[in-house]
N, C-alpha and C. Protein backbone atom coordinates (compact mmCIF):
# COMPACT_ATOMS: atom_id res chain seq x y z
N UNK A 1 93.26 102.23 152.32
CA UNK A 1 94.22 102.05 151.25
C UNK A 1 93.50 102.29 149.91
N UNK A 2 94.11 103.10 149.00
CA UNK A 2 93.45 103.40 147.72
C UNK A 2 93.36 102.17 146.83
N UNK A 3 92.30 102.15 146.07
CA UNK A 3 92.07 101.06 145.13
C UNK A 3 92.75 101.37 143.80
N UNK A 4 93.32 100.35 143.19
CA UNK A 4 93.96 100.54 141.89
C UNK A 4 92.89 100.67 140.82
N UNK A 5 93.03 101.69 139.99
CA UNK A 5 92.06 101.92 138.93
C UNK A 5 92.33 100.95 137.78
N UNK A 6 91.29 100.26 137.36
CA UNK A 6 91.41 99.31 136.27
C UNK A 6 90.58 99.85 135.09
N UNK A 7 91.23 99.99 133.95
CA UNK A 7 90.54 100.49 132.77
C UNK A 7 89.51 99.48 132.29
N UNK A 8 88.37 99.98 131.88
CA UNK A 8 87.33 99.10 131.35
C UNK A 8 87.62 98.72 129.91
N UNK A 9 88.22 99.62 129.16
CA UNK A 9 88.59 99.34 127.77
C UNK A 9 90.05 99.73 127.57
N UNK A 10 90.62 99.19 126.53
CA UNK A 10 92.02 99.49 126.21
C UNK A 10 92.17 100.96 125.79
N UNK A 11 93.21 101.64 126.26
CA UNK A 11 93.41 103.03 125.84
C UNK A 11 93.82 103.13 124.37
N UNK A 12 94.35 102.06 123.82
CA UNK A 12 94.71 102.03 122.41
C UNK A 12 93.82 100.98 121.73
N UNK A 13 92.56 101.32 121.59
CA UNK A 13 91.65 100.38 120.94
C UNK A 13 91.66 100.59 119.42
N UNK A 14 90.93 99.79 118.73
CA UNK A 14 90.93 99.79 117.27
C UNK A 14 90.49 101.13 116.68
N UNK A 15 89.43 101.71 117.24
CA UNK A 15 88.93 102.99 116.72
C UNK A 15 89.95 104.11 116.91
N UNK A 16 90.62 104.09 118.05
CA UNK A 16 91.64 105.11 118.32
C UNK A 16 92.78 105.00 117.32
N UNK A 17 93.20 103.78 117.03
CA UNK A 17 94.29 103.58 116.07
C UNK A 17 93.86 104.05 114.69
N UNK A 18 92.62 103.78 114.30
CA UNK A 18 92.12 104.24 113.01
C UNK A 18 92.09 105.76 112.93
N UNK A 19 91.67 106.41 114.03
CA UNK A 19 91.64 107.88 114.05
C UNK A 19 93.05 108.45 113.94
N UNK A 20 94.00 107.83 114.63
CA UNK A 20 95.39 108.29 114.56
C UNK A 20 95.93 108.12 113.15
N UNK A 21 95.66 106.98 112.53
CA UNK A 21 96.13 106.74 111.16
C UNK A 21 95.51 107.74 110.20
N UNK A 22 94.25 108.03 110.36
CA UNK A 22 93.58 109.01 109.50
C UNK A 22 94.21 110.39 109.68
N UNK A 23 94.48 110.78 110.91
CA UNK A 23 95.11 112.08 111.17
C UNK A 23 96.51 112.14 110.56
N UNK A 24 97.26 111.05 110.67
CA UNK A 24 98.60 111.01 110.07
C UNK A 24 98.54 111.17 108.56
N UNK A 25 97.59 110.51 107.94
CA UNK A 25 97.45 110.59 106.49
C UNK A 25 97.06 112.00 106.07
N UNK A 26 96.15 112.62 106.81
CA UNK A 26 95.75 114.00 106.49
C UNK A 26 96.91 114.97 106.69
N UNK A 27 97.69 114.78 107.76
CA UNK A 27 98.86 115.62 108.00
C UNK A 27 99.90 115.46 106.90
N UNK A 28 100.09 114.24 106.45
CA UNK A 28 101.05 113.99 105.38
C UNK A 28 100.60 114.67 104.09
N UNK A 29 99.29 114.70 103.85
CA UNK A 29 98.78 115.38 102.66
C UNK A 29 99.09 116.87 102.72
N UNK A 30 98.87 117.48 103.87
CA UNK A 30 99.19 118.90 104.04
C UNK A 30 100.69 119.13 103.87
N UNK A 31 101.50 118.25 104.45
CA UNK A 31 102.95 118.37 104.32
C UNK A 31 103.38 118.29 102.86
N UNK A 32 102.79 117.38 102.10
CA UNK A 32 103.13 117.24 100.68
C UNK A 32 102.77 118.50 99.91
N UNK A 33 101.60 119.06 100.20
CA UNK A 33 101.17 120.28 99.51
C UNK A 33 102.13 121.44 99.80
N UNK A 34 102.51 121.60 101.06
CA UNK A 34 103.45 122.66 101.42
C UNK A 34 104.82 122.44 100.80
N UNK A 35 105.24 121.19 100.77
CA UNK A 35 106.54 120.87 100.18
C UNK A 35 106.53 121.13 98.69
N UNK A 36 105.44 120.77 98.02
CA UNK A 36 105.33 121.05 96.58
C UNK A 36 105.36 122.55 96.30
N UNK A 37 104.71 123.31 97.16
CA UNK A 37 104.71 124.77 97.01
C UNK A 37 106.14 125.32 97.15
N UNK A 38 106.87 124.83 98.14
CA UNK A 38 108.25 125.26 98.33
C UNK A 38 109.12 124.80 97.16
N UNK A 39 108.89 123.60 96.67
CA UNK A 39 109.65 123.07 95.53
C UNK A 39 109.45 123.97 94.30
N UNK A 40 108.20 124.33 94.05
CA UNK A 40 107.92 125.20 92.90
C UNK A 40 108.61 126.56 93.04
N UNK A 41 108.65 127.08 94.25
CA UNK A 41 109.32 128.36 94.51
C UNK A 41 110.81 128.26 94.17
N UNK A 42 111.46 127.21 94.67
CA UNK A 42 112.89 127.06 94.39
C UNK A 42 113.15 126.71 92.92
N UNK A 43 112.22 126.01 92.29
CA UNK A 43 112.36 125.72 90.86
C UNK A 43 112.31 127.00 90.05
N UNK A 44 111.39 127.91 90.43
CA UNK A 44 111.32 129.21 89.75
C UNK A 44 112.60 130.00 89.96
N UNK A 45 113.15 129.95 91.17
CA UNK A 45 114.42 130.64 91.42
C UNK A 45 115.54 130.06 90.57
N UNK A 46 115.57 128.75 90.44
CA UNK A 46 116.62 128.10 89.65
C UNK A 46 116.45 128.41 88.16
N UNK A 47 115.21 128.55 87.69
CA UNK A 47 114.99 128.90 86.29
C UNK A 47 115.41 130.33 86.00
N UNK A 48 115.18 131.23 86.97
CA UNK A 48 115.58 132.63 86.80
C UNK A 48 117.09 132.77 86.81
N UNK A 49 117.74 132.00 87.67
CA UNK A 49 119.20 132.08 87.80
C UNK A 49 119.75 130.65 87.79
N UNK A 50 120.13 130.14 86.63
CA UNK A 50 120.62 128.75 86.54
C UNK A 50 121.89 128.49 87.36
N UNK A 51 122.58 129.52 87.77
CA UNK A 51 123.81 129.36 88.55
C UNK A 51 123.53 129.23 90.05
N UNK A 52 122.27 129.36 90.46
CA UNK A 52 121.90 129.32 91.88
C UNK A 52 121.90 127.87 92.38
N UNK A 53 123.01 127.47 92.95
CA UNK A 53 123.14 126.10 93.46
C UNK A 53 122.34 125.86 94.74
N UNK A 54 122.13 126.91 95.50
CA UNK A 54 121.36 126.76 96.74
C UNK A 54 119.93 126.35 96.41
N UNK A 55 119.35 127.00 95.42
CA UNK A 55 117.97 126.66 95.03
C UNK A 55 117.90 125.22 94.53
N UNK A 56 118.91 124.80 93.75
CA UNK A 56 118.94 123.43 93.23
C UNK A 56 119.09 122.42 94.37
N UNK A 57 119.91 122.74 95.35
CA UNK A 57 120.08 121.84 96.51
C UNK A 57 118.78 121.75 97.31
N UNK A 58 118.10 122.87 97.46
CA UNK A 58 116.83 122.86 98.19
C UNK A 58 115.78 122.05 97.44
N UNK A 59 115.79 122.12 96.12
CA UNK A 59 114.85 121.32 95.33
C UNK A 59 115.08 119.83 95.58
N UNK A 60 116.34 119.43 95.60
CA UNK A 60 116.66 118.02 95.88
C UNK A 60 116.21 117.60 97.27
N UNK A 61 116.44 118.46 98.24
CA UNK A 61 116.02 118.16 99.61
C UNK A 61 114.50 118.05 99.72
N UNK A 62 113.81 118.93 99.03
CA UNK A 62 112.35 118.90 99.07
C UNK A 62 111.79 117.66 98.40
N UNK A 63 112.44 117.20 97.34
CA UNK A 63 112.00 115.96 96.72
C UNK A 63 112.15 114.77 97.66
N UNK A 64 113.21 114.79 98.47
CA UNK A 64 113.39 113.73 99.47
C UNK A 64 112.28 113.79 100.52
N UNK A 65 111.91 115.00 100.93
CA UNK A 65 110.82 115.17 101.90
C UNK A 65 109.51 114.65 101.31
N UNK A 66 109.26 114.96 100.04
CA UNK A 66 108.05 114.47 99.38
C UNK A 66 108.00 112.95 99.39
N UNK A 67 109.11 112.33 99.05
CA UNK A 67 109.16 110.87 99.02
C UNK A 67 108.96 110.29 100.42
N UNK A 68 109.53 110.93 101.42
CA UNK A 68 109.40 110.45 102.80
C UNK A 68 107.95 110.55 103.27
N UNK A 69 107.27 111.65 102.98
CA UNK A 69 105.88 111.78 103.41
C UNK A 69 105.01 110.75 102.70
N UNK A 70 105.31 110.50 101.44
CA UNK A 70 104.55 109.47 100.71
C UNK A 70 104.79 108.10 101.33
N UNK A 71 106.04 107.79 101.65
CA UNK A 71 106.36 106.49 102.26
C UNK A 71 105.69 106.33 103.61
N UNK A 72 105.67 107.38 104.39
CA UNK A 72 105.04 107.31 105.71
C UNK A 72 103.54 107.11 105.59
N UNK A 73 102.92 107.71 104.58
CA UNK A 73 101.49 107.51 104.36
C UNK A 73 101.21 106.07 104.00
N UNK A 74 102.03 105.51 103.12
CA UNK A 74 101.86 104.11 102.73
C UNK A 74 102.07 103.21 103.94
N UNK A 75 103.06 103.51 104.77
CA UNK A 75 103.30 102.72 105.98
C UNK A 75 102.10 102.77 106.92
N UNK A 76 101.51 103.96 107.08
CA UNK A 76 100.34 104.09 107.95
C UNK A 76 99.17 103.28 107.42
N UNK A 77 98.94 103.34 106.11
CA UNK A 77 97.86 102.55 105.52
C UNK A 77 98.13 101.06 105.65
N UNK A 78 99.37 100.67 105.46
CA UNK A 78 99.74 99.26 105.59
C UNK A 78 99.47 98.76 107.01
N UNK A 79 99.84 99.55 107.99
CA UNK A 79 99.61 99.18 109.39
C UNK A 79 98.11 99.09 109.68
N UNK A 80 97.36 100.02 109.14
CA UNK A 80 95.91 100.00 109.35
C UNK A 80 95.28 98.76 108.72
N UNK A 81 95.74 98.38 107.54
CA UNK A 81 95.20 97.18 106.90
C UNK A 81 95.61 95.91 107.64
N UNK A 82 96.81 95.88 108.19
CA UNK A 82 97.23 94.73 109.00
C UNK A 82 96.35 94.60 110.24
N UNK A 83 96.06 95.74 110.86
CA UNK A 83 95.17 95.74 112.03
C UNK A 83 93.81 95.20 111.65
N UNK A 84 93.31 95.63 110.50
CA UNK A 84 92.00 95.17 110.05
C UNK A 84 92.03 93.67 109.76
N UNK A 85 93.10 93.19 109.18
CA UNK A 85 93.23 91.75 108.93
C UNK A 85 93.17 90.96 110.24
N UNK A 86 93.87 91.45 111.25
CA UNK A 86 93.84 90.78 112.56
C UNK A 86 92.43 90.78 113.13
N UNK A 87 91.74 91.89 112.97
CA UNK A 87 90.37 92.00 113.48
C UNK A 87 89.44 91.03 112.76
N UNK A 88 89.60 90.92 111.44
CA UNK A 88 88.77 89.99 110.66
C UNK A 88 89.05 88.55 111.08
N UNK A 89 90.32 88.20 111.25
CA UNK A 89 90.67 86.84 111.68
C UNK A 89 90.09 86.54 113.05
N UNK A 90 90.16 87.52 113.94
CA UNK A 90 89.62 87.34 115.29
C UNK A 90 88.12 87.11 115.23
N UNK A 91 87.42 87.86 114.38
CA UNK A 91 85.97 87.69 114.24
C UNK A 91 85.62 86.33 113.66
N UNK A 92 86.42 85.86 112.74
CA UNK A 92 86.17 84.54 112.16
C UNK A 92 86.34 83.44 113.21
N UNK A 93 87.34 83.60 114.05
CA UNK A 93 87.59 82.59 115.09
C UNK A 93 86.48 82.56 116.12
N UNK A 94 85.95 83.73 116.45
CA UNK A 94 84.90 83.80 117.46
C UNK A 94 83.51 83.73 116.85
N UNK A 95 83.46 83.66 115.51
CA UNK A 95 82.19 83.54 114.77
C UNK A 95 81.25 84.72 115.03
N UNK A 96 81.82 85.90 115.22
CA UNK A 96 80.99 87.09 115.38
C UNK A 96 81.12 87.94 114.13
N UNK A 97 80.05 88.59 113.80
CA UNK A 97 80.03 89.47 112.62
C UNK A 97 80.05 90.90 113.13
N UNK A 98 81.04 91.67 112.69
CA UNK A 98 81.13 93.05 113.16
C UNK A 98 80.58 93.99 112.11
N UNK A 99 80.64 95.25 112.42
CA UNK A 99 80.24 96.27 111.46
C UNK A 99 81.19 96.21 110.27
N UNK A 100 80.94 97.07 109.31
CA UNK A 100 81.75 97.05 108.10
C UNK A 100 83.23 97.20 108.42
N UNK A 101 84.04 96.44 107.72
CA UNK A 101 85.48 96.57 107.91
C UNK A 101 86.05 97.56 106.90
N UNK A 102 87.32 97.84 107.01
CA UNK A 102 87.97 98.85 106.18
C UNK A 102 87.90 98.48 104.71
N UNK A 103 87.96 97.19 104.40
CA UNK A 103 87.91 96.77 103.00
C UNK A 103 86.55 97.09 102.39
N UNK A 104 85.48 96.86 103.13
CA UNK A 104 84.15 97.19 102.63
C UNK A 104 84.01 98.69 102.39
N UNK A 105 84.54 99.48 103.31
CA UNK A 105 84.47 100.93 103.16
C UNK A 105 85.27 101.40 101.95
N UNK A 106 86.43 100.82 101.71
CA UNK A 106 87.24 101.19 100.55
C UNK A 106 86.55 100.80 99.25
N UNK A 107 85.88 99.66 99.26
CA UNK A 107 85.16 99.24 98.05
C UNK A 107 84.02 100.20 97.74
N UNK A 108 83.33 100.67 98.76
CA UNK A 108 82.21 101.61 98.55
C UNK A 108 82.71 102.92 97.96
N UNK A 109 83.91 103.37 98.38
CA UNK A 109 84.45 104.62 97.86
C UNK A 109 84.81 104.49 96.39
N UNK A 110 85.21 103.29 95.96
CA UNK A 110 85.57 103.08 94.56
C UNK A 110 84.35 103.05 93.66
N UNK A 111 83.20 102.66 94.18
CA UNK A 111 81.99 102.53 93.36
C UNK A 111 81.37 103.85 93.02
């Protein structure tokens, strides 16, 4: 009879979640840049022809996309910081000192 495979570590561990959050933030940055490029294109079209309602509608839609990508980036960072808070609390309860946490890394980037 086959033995059930038991994972030694969680498939969704802390490092994996951090990597996913980082990738999401980088993807959102690329999305914002592309959206801004498209927005500028439609803005130029609207300036050339003020009667072009399609270009104006597209500009409005692109602004919504920009806001959504910004909100999703903030949500990803918020989730990452909540995860870090849980990790810090867990370390305090078990009295173990871990490697640098996200707050320490953010402080170093500001200096």
